[in-house]
Protein backbone atom coordinates (compact mmCIF):
# COMPACT_ATOMS: atom_id res chain seq x y z
CA MET A 1 -3.45 32.07 17.64
CA ILE A 2 -4.64 32.54 14.05
CA LEU A 3 -1.05 33.05 12.89
CA ARG A 4 0.03 29.80 14.59
CA LEU A 5 -2.88 27.92 12.98
CA GLY A 6 -1.88 29.39 9.62
CA PHE A 7 1.69 28.10 10.01
CA ILE A 8 0.44 24.66 11.00
CA MET A 9 -1.84 24.49 7.96
CA LEU A 10 0.99 25.65 5.68
CA ALA A 11 3.29 22.98 7.11
CA LEU A 12 0.66 20.26 6.61
CA VAL A 13 0.06 21.31 3.00
CA ALA A 14 3.81 21.41 2.31
CA PHE A 15 4.22 17.94 3.82
CA ALA A 16 1.29 16.55 1.79
CA VAL A 17 2.69 17.99 -1.45
CA GLN A 18 6.13 16.50 -0.75
CA ALA A 19 4.64 13.10 0.16
CA GLU A 20 2.61 13.01 -3.06
CA ALA A 21 5.54 14.09 -5.26
CA PHE A 22 7.50 10.81 -4.95
CA GLU A 23 6.53 8.82 -8.04
CA ILE A 24 7.48 5.63 -9.88
CA SER A 25 6.48 4.72 -13.43
CA SER A 26 7.52 2.59 -16.38
CA PRO A 27 7.93 3.61 -20.00
CA SER A 28 7.87 -0.12 -20.88
CA VAL A 29 4.26 -0.94 -20.02
CA SER A 30 0.89 0.56 -20.70
CA ASP A 31 -1.75 -0.88 -18.42
CA GLY A 32 -2.75 -4.34 -19.56
CA LYS A 33 -0.34 -4.31 -22.52
CA TRP A 34 3.00 -6.00 -21.89
CA ASN A 35 5.55 -6.85 -24.56
CA ALA A 36 6.00 -10.63 -24.53
CA LYS A 37 9.67 -10.35 -23.48
CA TYR A 38 8.57 -8.92 -20.10
CA LEU A 39 6.29 -11.89 -19.33
CA GLY A 40 7.31 -14.88 -17.22
CA ASP A 41 9.61 -17.50 -18.69
CA LYS A 42 7.90 -20.49 -17.02
CA ALA A 43 4.48 -22.18 -16.99
CA GLY A 44 3.84 -21.57 -20.68
CA CYS A 45 3.79 -17.79 -20.36
CA GLY A 46 5.97 -17.40 -23.46
CA GLY A 47 8.13 -14.59 -22.11
CA LYS A 48 11.78 -14.10 -21.31
CA SER A 49 11.40 -12.39 -17.91
CA VAL A 50 13.25 -9.29 -19.08
CA SER A 51 12.59 -6.72 -16.37
CA ILE A 52 10.75 -3.57 -17.38
CA ALA A 53 12.42 -0.18 -17.19
CA LEU A 54 11.42 1.90 -14.18
CA ALA A 55 11.85 5.60 -13.49
CA TRP A 56 11.25 7.60 -10.33
CA LYS A 57 11.39 11.17 -9.23
CA ASP A 58 11.10 13.47 -6.22
CA PRO A 59 12.19 11.14 -3.41
CA PRO A 60 11.87 12.41 0.16
CA ALA A 61 14.71 14.48 1.59
CA GLY A 62 17.29 12.31 3.33
CA THR A 63 16.92 9.32 0.98
CA LYS A 64 20.13 7.26 1.07
CA SER A 65 18.97 4.14 -0.80
CA TYR A 66 15.91 2.41 -2.25
CA ALA A 67 14.21 -0.95 -1.97
CA LEU A 68 11.90 -2.26 -4.70
CA THR A 69 9.22 -4.93 -4.66
CA MET A 70 6.92 -6.31 -7.35
CA PHE A 71 3.94 -8.21 -5.96
CA ASP A 72 0.84 -9.82 -7.49
CA PRO A 73 -1.84 -9.82 -4.75
CA ASP A 74 -4.25 -11.80 -6.96
CA ALA A 75 -2.07 -14.92 -7.31
CA ASN A 76 -2.33 -18.11 -5.28
CA GLY A 77 -5.96 -17.66 -4.39
CA GLY A 78 -5.38 -14.17 -3.01
CA LYS A 79 -2.25 -15.06 -1.02
CA GLY A 80 -0.09 -13.28 -3.57
CA PHE A 81 3.18 -13.89 -5.37
CA TRP A 82 6.50 -12.00 -5.22
CA HIS A 83 7.91 -11.28 -8.67
CA TRP A 84 10.90 -9.05 -7.87
CA LEU A 85 12.80 -7.86 -4.82
CA ALA A 86 15.79 -5.52 -4.87
CA TRP A 87 17.35 -3.33 -2.21
CA ASN A 88 20.41 -1.22 -1.41
CA ILE A 89 19.79 0.59 -4.69
CA PRO A 90 21.87 3.78 -4.32
CA ALA A 91 20.09 7.09 -3.81
CA SER A 92 21.81 8.43 -6.93
CA ALA A 93 19.70 6.06 -9.10
CA LYS A 94 16.77 7.70 -10.87
CA GLY A 95 15.45 4.40 -12.20
CA LEU A 96 16.39 0.98 -13.52
CA GLY A 97 16.97 0.22 -17.17
CA GLU A 98 15.22 -2.53 -19.07
CA GLY A 99 16.74 -5.87 -18.14
CA ALA A 100 18.35 -4.61 -14.91
CA GLY A 101 16.64 -7.35 -12.90
CA THR A 102 17.77 -10.14 -15.17
CA GLU A 103 21.07 -11.86 -15.95
CA GLY A 104 22.08 -12.18 -12.33
CA GLY A 105 21.65 -8.48 -11.70
CA LYS A 106 24.66 -7.45 -13.75
CA ARG A 107 22.79 -4.35 -14.92
CA MET A 108 21.66 -3.25 -11.44
CA PRO A 109 23.41 -0.25 -9.91
CA LYS A 110 26.60 -1.13 -8.00
CA GLY A 111 25.86 -2.31 -4.45
CA SER A 112 22.28 -3.39 -5.19
CA VAL A 113 21.04 -6.73 -3.91
CA MET A 114 18.30 -8.87 -5.44
CA GLY A 115 16.36 -11.36 -3.36
CA LYS A 116 14.59 -14.58 -4.21
CA GLY A 117 10.96 -14.23 -5.18
CA GLY A 118 8.23 -16.79 -5.68
CA VAL A 119 10.07 -18.82 -8.31
CA GLY A 120 13.03 -19.36 -5.98
CA ARG A 121 15.61 -17.35 -7.90
CA ALA A 122 16.98 -13.88 -7.39
CA GLY A 123 15.79 -11.38 -9.95
CA TYR A 124 12.75 -10.40 -11.92
CA PHE A 125 10.07 -12.90 -12.92
CA GLY A 126 7.50 -11.45 -15.29
CA PRO A 127 3.71 -11.65 -15.15
CA CYS A 128 2.43 -15.20 -15.61
CA PRO A 129 -1.14 -15.56 -14.34
CA PRO A 130 -2.94 -18.84 -14.94
CA PRO A 131 -5.08 -18.78 -18.09
CA GLY A 132 -8.62 -17.72 -17.33
CA SER A 133 -7.80 -16.26 -13.91
CA GLY A 134 -8.70 -12.73 -14.98
CA GLN A 135 -6.66 -9.57 -14.72
CA HIS A 136 -3.89 -9.69 -12.15
CA HIS A 137 -2.46 -6.57 -10.53
CA TYR A 138 1.33 -6.17 -10.55
CA VAL A 139 2.22 -3.70 -7.81
CA PHE A 140 5.65 -2.08 -7.98
CA THR A 141 6.54 -0.37 -4.71
CA LEU A 142 9.67 1.72 -4.32
CA TYR A 143 10.71 2.53 -0.77
CA ALA A 144 12.97 5.52 -0.11
CA LEU A 145 15.19 4.56 2.81
CA GLY A 146 17.09 6.79 5.21
CA GLU A 147 20.01 4.33 5.36
CA LYS A 148 22.40 3.04 2.68
CA THR A 149 21.60 -0.58 3.46
CA LEU A 150 18.37 -2.34 4.30
CA ARG A 151 18.36 -3.81 7.80
CA ALA A 152 17.25 -7.36 7.05
CA PRO A 153 18.53 -10.83 7.94
CA GLU A 154 20.79 -12.72 5.56
CA ASN A 155 18.82 -14.48 2.79
CA PRO A 156 15.52 -12.86 3.83
CA SER A 157 12.15 -14.10 2.69
CA PRO A 158 10.19 -11.73 0.43
CA GLU A 159 7.91 -10.91 3.35
CA MET A 160 10.91 -9.96 5.50
CA VAL A 161 12.21 -7.64 2.78
CA SER A 162 8.82 -5.99 2.45
CA VAL A 163 8.38 -5.52 6.21
CA ALA A 164 11.95 -4.22 6.67
CA ALA A 165 11.60 -1.78 3.78
CA LYS A 166 8.22 -0.50 4.96
CA SER A 167 9.48 -0.05 8.53
CA GLN A 168 12.57 1.88 7.40
CA ALA A 169 10.93 3.96 4.67
CA LEU A 170 10.97 7.74 4.58
CA GLY A 171 8.36 7.43 1.85
CA GLU A 172 7.05 5.06 -0.77
CA ALA A 173 5.88 5.29 -4.36
CA THR A 174 3.64 2.71 -6.01
CA VAL A 175 2.47 1.97 -9.52
CA THR A 176 0.20 -0.91 -10.54
CA TYR A 177 -0.10 -2.50 -13.98
CA THR A 178 -2.52 -5.27 -14.91
CA TYR A 179 -2.19 -8.34 -17.11
CA GLY A 180 -4.34 -11.39 -17.76
CA ARG A 181 -4.38 -14.29 -20.19
């Protein structure tokens, strides 16, 4: 009995360590400090919407592709705003280079798909909170998927991409950066 309990505890600890190991980060941003080129290119934000570089490590075993979302939960009176959606990113990718989400996705890994976010175009749209609205939180979530392609309808809404990715995920990694003006 004690031996069985010991094995169960060991398995739970091993699972917890593996689940916590999946990480995403960006060498492009330090919290609250964004280079102007990464900011939105509309509404007077003064940026160029060049997507930040992202890196990830230690995905769950069995990962065959990734889906990525960037969401600002503070926008639109708390309803949120989708800044970037990408999926079918191959499992061989260990990150995305600066600018991968711009220029029609030409710099995304082969086979990747980018969806339309809040500004109605496919690709990255940088932080652009209204002046005086305080610090906004930009949540990057990377979903490790057990299939090569995301099961989602054609031309999915951002919400559909998020729900499909979450429901198909073997694991997820999240990083949040803030910005205000």
